[in-house]
Protein backbone atom coordinates (compact mmCIF):
# COMPACT_ATOMS: atom_id res chain seq x y z
CA MET A 1 -27.46 31.50 2.71
CA LYS A 2 -24.40 30.24 0.82
CA GLU A 3 -23.47 26.59 1.16
CA THR A 4 -20.06 25.90 2.75
CA VAL A 5 -17.10 24.46 0.81
CA VAL A 6 -13.94 23.18 2.52
CA SER A 7 -10.74 22.18 0.81
CA GLY A 8 -7.08 21.87 1.90
CA ILE A 9 -3.67 21.33 0.43
CA ARG A 10 -0.95 19.58 2.33
CA SER A 11 2.11 21.72 3.01
CA THR A 12 4.58 19.36 1.55
CA GLY A 13 6.21 21.54 -1.12
CA LYS A 14 5.47 23.73 -4.00
CA LEU A 15 2.19 23.68 -5.97
CA HIS A 16 2.26 22.54 -9.60
CA LEU A 17 0.22 22.67 -12.72
CA GLY A 18 -1.97 19.78 -11.55
CA ASN A 19 -2.84 21.66 -8.37
CA TYR A 20 -3.69 24.78 -10.37
CA TYR A 21 -5.72 23.47 -13.21
CA GLY A 22 -7.21 20.59 -11.25
CA ALA A 23 -8.21 22.67 -8.18
CA LEU A 24 -7.06 26.21 -7.61
CA LYS A 25 -8.42 27.69 -10.76
CA ASN A 26 -11.82 26.48 -9.75
CA PHE A 27 -11.38 27.76 -6.21
CA VAL A 28 -10.89 31.25 -7.55
CA GLN A 29 -14.26 31.12 -9.32
CA MET A 30 -15.98 29.20 -6.52
CA GLN A 31 -15.26 31.85 -3.87
CA HIS A 32 -17.79 34.16 -5.44
CA ASP A 33 -20.55 31.66 -5.06
CA TYR A 34 -19.91 29.80 -1.87
CA ASN A 35 -18.83 30.19 1.69
CA CYS A 36 -15.24 28.85 1.18
CA PHE A 37 -12.67 27.65 3.66
CA PHE A 38 -9.33 26.96 2.10
CA PHE A 39 -6.69 25.66 4.57
CA ILE A 40 -3.07 24.70 4.48
CA ALA A 41 -2.84 21.23 6.00
CA ASP A 42 0.36 21.43 8.05
CA LEU A 43 -0.90 18.98 10.65
CA HIS A 44 -1.40 16.31 7.98
CA SER A 45 2.15 16.85 6.84
CA LEU A 46 3.53 15.72 10.15
CA THR A 47 2.98 12.07 9.18
CA THR A 48 6.17 12.44 6.99
CA HIS A 49 8.19 14.16 9.83
CA PRO A 50 9.34 17.43 8.25
CA THR A 51 11.97 19.47 9.96
CA PRO A 52 10.74 22.69 11.70
CA ALA A 53 12.36 24.82 9.01
CA ASN A 54 10.88 22.82 6.15
CA LEU A 55 7.47 22.84 7.75
CA HIS A 56 7.41 26.68 8.17
CA GLY A 57 8.94 27.19 4.76
CA ASN A 58 6.32 24.95 3.03
CA VAL A 59 3.37 26.58 4.84
CA ARG A 60 4.64 29.98 3.76
CA GLN A 61 5.11 28.77 0.22
CA VAL A 62 1.54 27.41 -0.11
CA LEU A 63 0.14 30.62 1.35
CA VAL A 64 2.04 32.68 -1.12
CA GLU A 65 0.85 30.46 -3.96
CA TYR A 66 -2.81 30.44 -2.79
CA LEU A 67 -2.75 34.20 -2.96
CA ALA A 68 -0.85 34.44 -6.23
CA CYS A 69 -3.31 32.16 -7.91
CA GLY A 70 -6.17 34.49 -6.99
CA ILE A 71 -7.71 33.25 -3.79
CA ASP A 72 -8.96 36.36 -2.09
CA PRO A 73 -8.74 36.55 1.76
CA GLU A 74 -11.61 38.98 1.74
CA LEU A 75 -13.91 36.55 -0.24
CA SER A 76 -12.68 33.25 1.33
CA THR A 77 -11.25 32.15 4.57
CA ILE A 78 -7.62 31.09 4.11
CA TYR A 79 -6.09 29.64 7.20
CA ILE A 80 -3.26 27.42 8.42
CA GLN A 81 -4.67 24.20 9.95
CA SER A 82 -2.52 24.36 13.13
CA ASP A 83 -3.77 27.87 13.75
CA VAL A 84 -7.18 26.46 14.58
CA PRO A 85 -6.77 24.13 17.54
CA GLU A 86 -10.41 23.42 17.63
CA VAL A 87 -9.71 21.05 14.65
CA THR A 88 -7.58 18.82 16.88
CA GLU A 89 -10.17 18.85 19.61
CA LEU A 90 -12.96 17.63 17.19
CA TYR A 91 -10.39 15.12 15.86
CA LEU A 92 -10.13 13.65 19.37
CA TYR A 93 -13.84 13.37 19.77
CA LEU A 94 -14.31 11.72 16.37
CA ASN A 95 -11.36 9.33 17.07
CA MET A 96 -13.30 8.01 20.09
CA ASN A 97 -15.93 6.65 17.75
CA ALA A 98 -13.69 5.51 14.87
CA TYR A 99 -12.89 1.85 14.74
CA VAL A 100 -9.46 0.45 14.08
CA GLY A 101 -10.78 -2.09 11.65
CA GLU A 102 -12.41 0.47 9.35
CA LEU A 103 -9.27 2.70 9.46
CA GLU A 104 -7.05 -0.21 8.50
CA ARG A 105 -9.31 -1.01 5.53
CA SER A 106 -8.72 2.55 4.15
CA ALA A 107 -7.21 2.28 0.66
CA SER A 108 -4.81 5.19 1.26
CA PHE A 109 -3.57 3.58 4.56
CA LYS A 110 -2.86 0.31 2.80
CA ASP A 111 -0.96 2.22 0.09
CA LYS A 112 1.12 4.10 2.63
CA VAL A 113 1.97 0.85 4.53
CA ARG A 114 3.05 -0.82 1.28
CA GLY A 115 5.05 2.24 0.17
CA ASN A 116 6.83 2.97 3.48
CA PRO A 117 6.56 0.11 5.86
CA ASP A 118 9.12 1.65 8.31
CA ASN A 119 6.80 4.65 8.97
CA VAL A 120 3.45 3.26 9.87
CA ASN A 121 2.52 5.76 12.47
CA ALA A 122 -0.80 6.32 14.21
CA GLY A 123 -1.26 9.62 12.32
CA LEU A 124 -1.40 7.71 9.04
CA LEU A 125 -4.03 5.33 10.49
CA THR A 126 -6.26 8.13 11.74
CA TYR A 127 -5.62 10.38 8.75
CA PRO A 128 -9.24 9.99 7.62
CA VAL A 129 -10.46 11.17 11.04
CA LEU A 130 -8.39 14.33 10.92
CA MET A 131 -9.70 14.92 7.38
CA ALA A 132 -13.26 14.45 8.66
CA ALA A 133 -12.58 16.94 11.36
CA ASP A 134 -11.34 19.47 8.86
CA ILE A 135 -14.61 19.14 6.93
CA LEU A 136 -17.13 18.81 9.79
CA ILE A 137 -15.56 21.64 11.93
CA HIS A 138 -17.26 24.08 9.42
CA LYS A 139 -20.26 21.87 8.76
CA ALA A 140 -19.34 21.86 5.06
CA THR A 141 -21.72 20.15 2.59
CA LYS A 142 -19.40 20.42 -0.47
CA VAL A 143 -15.82 19.18 -0.75
CA PRO A 144 -13.86 19.36 -3.96
CA VAL A 145 -11.88 16.13 -3.99
CA GLY A 146 -10.41 13.77 -6.62
CA LYS A 147 -11.22 10.14 -7.05
CA ASP A 148 -8.48 9.09 -4.69
CA GLN A 149 -10.06 11.04 -1.83
CA GLU A 150 -13.66 9.89 -2.23
CA GLN A 151 -13.21 7.08 0.32
CA HIS A 152 -11.98 9.60 2.93
CA LEU A 153 -15.10 11.67 2.22
CA GLU A 154 -17.35 8.68 2.67
CA MET A 155 -15.60 8.07 5.98
CA ALA A 156 -16.25 11.74 6.99
CA ARG A 157 -19.98 11.18 6.39
CA THR A 158 -19.75 7.90 8.37
CA PHE A 159 -18.09 9.62 11.41
CA GLY A 160 -20.60 12.57 11.24
CA ASN A 161 -23.59 10.33 11.01
CA ARG A 162 -22.21 8.14 13.90
CA PHE A 163 -21.81 11.16 16.04
CA ASN A 164 -25.40 12.21 15.16
CA ARG A 165 -26.80 8.80 16.14
CA LEU A 166 -24.71 8.56 19.29
CA TYR A 167 -25.90 11.92 20.66
CA ASN A 168 -29.46 11.81 19.18
CA SER A 169 -28.94 14.80 16.98
CA ASP A 170 -28.80 15.87 13.32
CA TYR A 171 -25.92 18.20 14.14
CA PHE A 172 -23.51 17.39 11.34
CA PRO A 173 -24.72 17.62 7.72
CA GLU A 174 -23.44 15.09 5.21
CA PRO A 175 -20.60 16.40 3.01
CA PHE A 176 -20.44 15.32 -0.58
CA ALA A 177 -17.93 15.50 -3.40
CA PHE A 178 -18.20 18.69 -5.37
CA THR A 179 -17.11 19.53 -8.90
CA TYR A 180 -17.42 23.14 -9.71
CA ALA A 181 -16.12 22.99 -13.22
CA THR A 182 -18.23 21.62 -16.06
CA ASN A 183 -15.19 19.89 -17.52
CA LEU A 184 -12.69 18.01 -15.30
CA VAL A 185 -9.07 18.87 -16.36
CA LYS A 186 -6.64 16.04 -16.56
CA VAL A 187 -3.09 17.20 -15.88
CA PRO A 188 -0.77 14.23 -16.50
CA GLY A 189 2.89 14.14 -15.35
CA LEU A 190 6.01 14.24 -17.46
CA ASP A 191 7.16 10.69 -16.58
CA GLY A 192 4.83 9.07 -19.15
CA LYS A 193 2.32 7.55 -16.77
CA GLY A 194 -0.38 8.83 -14.37
CA LYS A 195 -1.16 12.30 -13.18
CA MET A 196 1.24 15.00 -12.23
CA GLY A 197 2.25 14.63 -8.57
CA LYS A 198 5.04 15.51 -6.24
CA SER A 199 5.29 11.89 -4.93
CA GLU A 200 6.69 10.87 -8.34
CA GLY A 201 9.65 13.23 -8.11
CA GLU A 202 10.53 16.72 -9.22
CA GLY A 203 11.03 15.60 -12.83
CA ASN A 204 7.38 14.70 -13.10
CA VAL A 205 5.97 18.12 -12.17
CA ILE A 206 6.00 21.71 -13.49
CA ASN A 207 5.88 23.83 -10.40
CA LEU A 208 4.06 27.19 -10.53
CA SER A 209 7.31 28.71 -9.23
CA ASP A 210 9.60 27.06 -11.68
CA GLU A 211 11.78 29.50 -13.73
CA PRO A 212 11.55 29.34 -17.51
CA GLU A 213 14.93 27.56 -17.90
CA VAL A 214 13.79 24.91 -15.41
CA ILE A 215 10.51 24.34 -17.28
CA ARG A 216 12.43 23.99 -20.62
CA LYS A 217 14.73 21.41 -19.18
CA LYS A 218 11.99 19.33 -17.50
CA VAL A 219 9.79 19.33 -20.63
CA MET A 220 12.66 18.34 -22.95
CA ARG A 221 13.39 15.36 -20.73
CA ALA A 222 9.78 14.28 -20.70
CA VAL A 223 9.18 10.69 -21.80
CA SER A 224 8.39 10.29 -25.53
CA ASP A 225 9.09 7.61 -28.19
CA GLY A 226 10.47 7.18 -31.67
CA GLY A 227 7.45 8.74 -33.30
CA PRO A 228 4.47 7.42 -35.26
CA THR A 229 5.03 4.95 -38.14
CA VAL A 230 1.51 4.75 -39.47
CA GLU A 231 -0.83 7.70 -40.17
CA ASN A 232 -3.50 8.32 -37.69
CA GLN A 233 -2.14 5.57 -35.35
CA PRO A 234 -3.32 5.75 -31.65
CA LYS A 235 -0.93 7.53 -29.38
CA PRO A 236 0.83 5.51 -26.65
CA GLU A 237 0.28 6.79 -23.11
CA PRO A 238 3.43 8.95 -22.71
CA ILE A 239 2.64 10.73 -25.96
CA GLN A 240 -1.04 11.25 -25.24
CA ASN A 241 0.01 12.69 -21.86
CA LEU A 242 2.12 15.35 -23.60
CA PHE A 243 -0.82 16.21 -25.84
CA ASP A 244 -3.10 16.40 -22.87
CA LEU A 245 -0.65 18.84 -21.29
CA MET A 246 -0.69 20.93 -24.52
CA LYS A 247 -4.49 20.85 -24.41
CA VAL A 248 -4.31 22.55 -20.96
CA VAL A 249 -1.75 25.30 -21.64
CA SER A 250 -1.74 25.93 -25.38
CA ALA A 251 -3.97 27.61 -27.87
CA PRO A 252 -6.43 25.31 -29.73
CA ASP A 253 -4.76 26.02 -33.18
CA THR A 254 -1.40 25.12 -31.64
CA LEU A 255 -2.75 21.80 -30.51
CA ALA A 256 -4.46 21.16 -33.83
CA HIS A 257 -1.22 21.92 -35.68
CA PHE A 258 0.75 19.28 -33.80
CA GLU A 259 -2.20 16.78 -33.90
CA ALA A 260 -2.10 17.07 -37.71
CA LEU A 261 1.72 16.56 -37.82
CA TYR A 262 1.42 13.51 -35.64
CA ASN A 263 -1.35 12.01 -37.70
CA GLN A 264 0.73 12.59 -40.88
CA CYS A 265 3.89 10.94 -39.27
CA ALA A 266 5.60 14.30 -39.64
CA ILE A 267 6.00 15.34 -36.02
CA ARG A 268 9.32 16.27 -34.52
CA TYR A 269 9.15 15.78 -30.75
CA GLY A 270 11.95 18.37 -30.19
CA ASP A 271 9.85 21.14 -31.83
CA PHE A 272 6.73 19.86 -30.09
CA LYS A 273 8.37 19.94 -26.66
CA LYS A 274 9.87 23.39 -27.23
CA GLN A 275 6.36 24.78 -28.03
CA LEU A 276 4.88 23.00 -24.99
CA ALA A 277 7.55 24.48 -22.69
CA GLU A 278 7.11 27.97 -24.04
CA ASP A 279 3.26 27.76 -23.58
CA MET A 280 3.79 26.48 -20.03
CA ILE A 281 6.14 29.44 -19.28
CA LEU A 282 3.57 31.79 -20.75
CA ALA A 283 0.75 30.27 -18.72
CA THR A 284 2.59 30.38 -15.37
CA ALA A 285 4.33 33.81 -15.87
CA PRO A 286 1.55 35.98 -14.26
CA ILE A 287 1.39 33.66 -11.20
CA ARG A 288 5.18 33.54 -10.86
CA GLU A 289 5.35 37.29 -11.00
CA ARG A 290 2.61 37.72 -8.33
CA MET A 291 4.42 35.17 -6.18
CA GLN A 292 7.67 37.13 -6.21
CA VAL A 293 5.86 40.25 -5.06
CA ILE A 294 3.73 38.52 -2.39
CA ALA A 295 6.66 36.50 -1.03
CA ALA A 296 8.61 39.73 -0.48
CA ASP A 297 5.85 41.31 1.69
CA THR A 298 6.07 39.47 5.02
CA ASP A 299 3.81 41.93 6.69
CA TYR A 300 0.99 41.22 4.21
CA LEU A 301 1.41 37.39 4.70
CA LYS A 302 1.28 37.82 8.52
CA LYS A 303 -1.92 39.84 8.11
CA VAL A 304 -3.60 37.31 5.85
CA ALA A 305 -2.59 34.49 8.20
CA ALA A 306 -4.01 36.44 11.18
CA ILE A 307 -7.32 37.23 9.39
CA GLY A 308 -7.64 33.55 8.35
CA ARG A 309 -6.93 32.40 11.92
CA GLU A 310 -9.62 34.66 13.35
CA LYS A 311 -12.22 33.69 10.77
CA GLY A 312 -11.37 30.05 10.98
CA ARG A 313 -11.51 29.92 14.76
CA GLU A 314 -14.78 31.86 14.80
CA SER A 315 -16.46 29.11 12.81
CA ALA A 316 -14.63 26.24 14.39
CA SER A 317 -15.06 27.36 18.08
CA LYS A 318 -18.84 27.60 17.57
CA THR A 319 -18.88 23.94 16.29
CA VAL A 320 -16.66 22.68 19.16
CA ARG A 321 -18.74 24.61 21.78
CA GLU A 322 -21.90 22.96 20.44
CA VAL A 323 -20.28 19.50 20.16
CA ARG A 324 -19.09 19.71 23.73
CA GLU A 325 -22.55 20.54 24.82
CA LEU A 326 -23.99 17.54 22.95
CA ILE A 327 -21.40 15.13 24.40
CA GLY A 328 -22.12 16.46 27.92
CA PHE A 329 -19.10 18.51 28.78
CA ARG A 330 -20.42 21.35 30.93
CA SER A 331 -18.76 23.67 33.37
CA PHE A 332 -19.89 23.55 36.96
């Protein structure tokens, strides 16, 4: 029997190169070897109060991009989080045994409070509980997460184990971080520091849906410097980030060519960036073309969402039914 993998992406906008090379490309391979549930986390996105139109549009966008990247609804279960109400029911049960103190100590909660002190809502505080419900609802044992999510995964284990102790069972298995790829791919942003991410602004990311001219403009504006002054000198972070991006999207001989120019103090960043942009355009072109075809087929999207809802609820309703029995909820 295949092990169960669960992963979700928040529906807060378009997917980018970091999402694709850091996660989705692995998901496409993973679905052949595991029982995979890939969900669109629209409930999580409510902490930032999107408008109804934006919420629906973002969910649709992520669904289109999941499919365009190669996630197969016949091999995996692709579902919209809010289509599976059992998740929120389990979220309620887990909340009853989650303590305010441990939730307030969450690193991500502290970051959110610092970053947006005027929007410290209860959803942000209990975010790790909802994430735990997402994982435990399918009794997943493997969760592909980055370093910034490892504390949430540890909390999911805590909540599952606490439920097991409270109700004298071994019902929930322990989920652990899972790296499918042998080499982790680092996808830095264009702003010269840190990883590619939507929270840093549009100029930091290359979206999978970006048109060629948009990609060219973004890359040409990427942070660089005046160039090396000594042969073989170490690259400062913004320049190393650009080379790391080239490592992801370009051919090895292209990367080697520009490495040699840098080490010889002969590199021209204009030429380097032009090449990087064209390689990004080439890498994203097949996905972008598939997105246009899929986005135009509303009937197909409705069918995929309906299939995902049915498969997601089949798994989730079994869990909730058994959890209710363990807690003591029984019909008379």
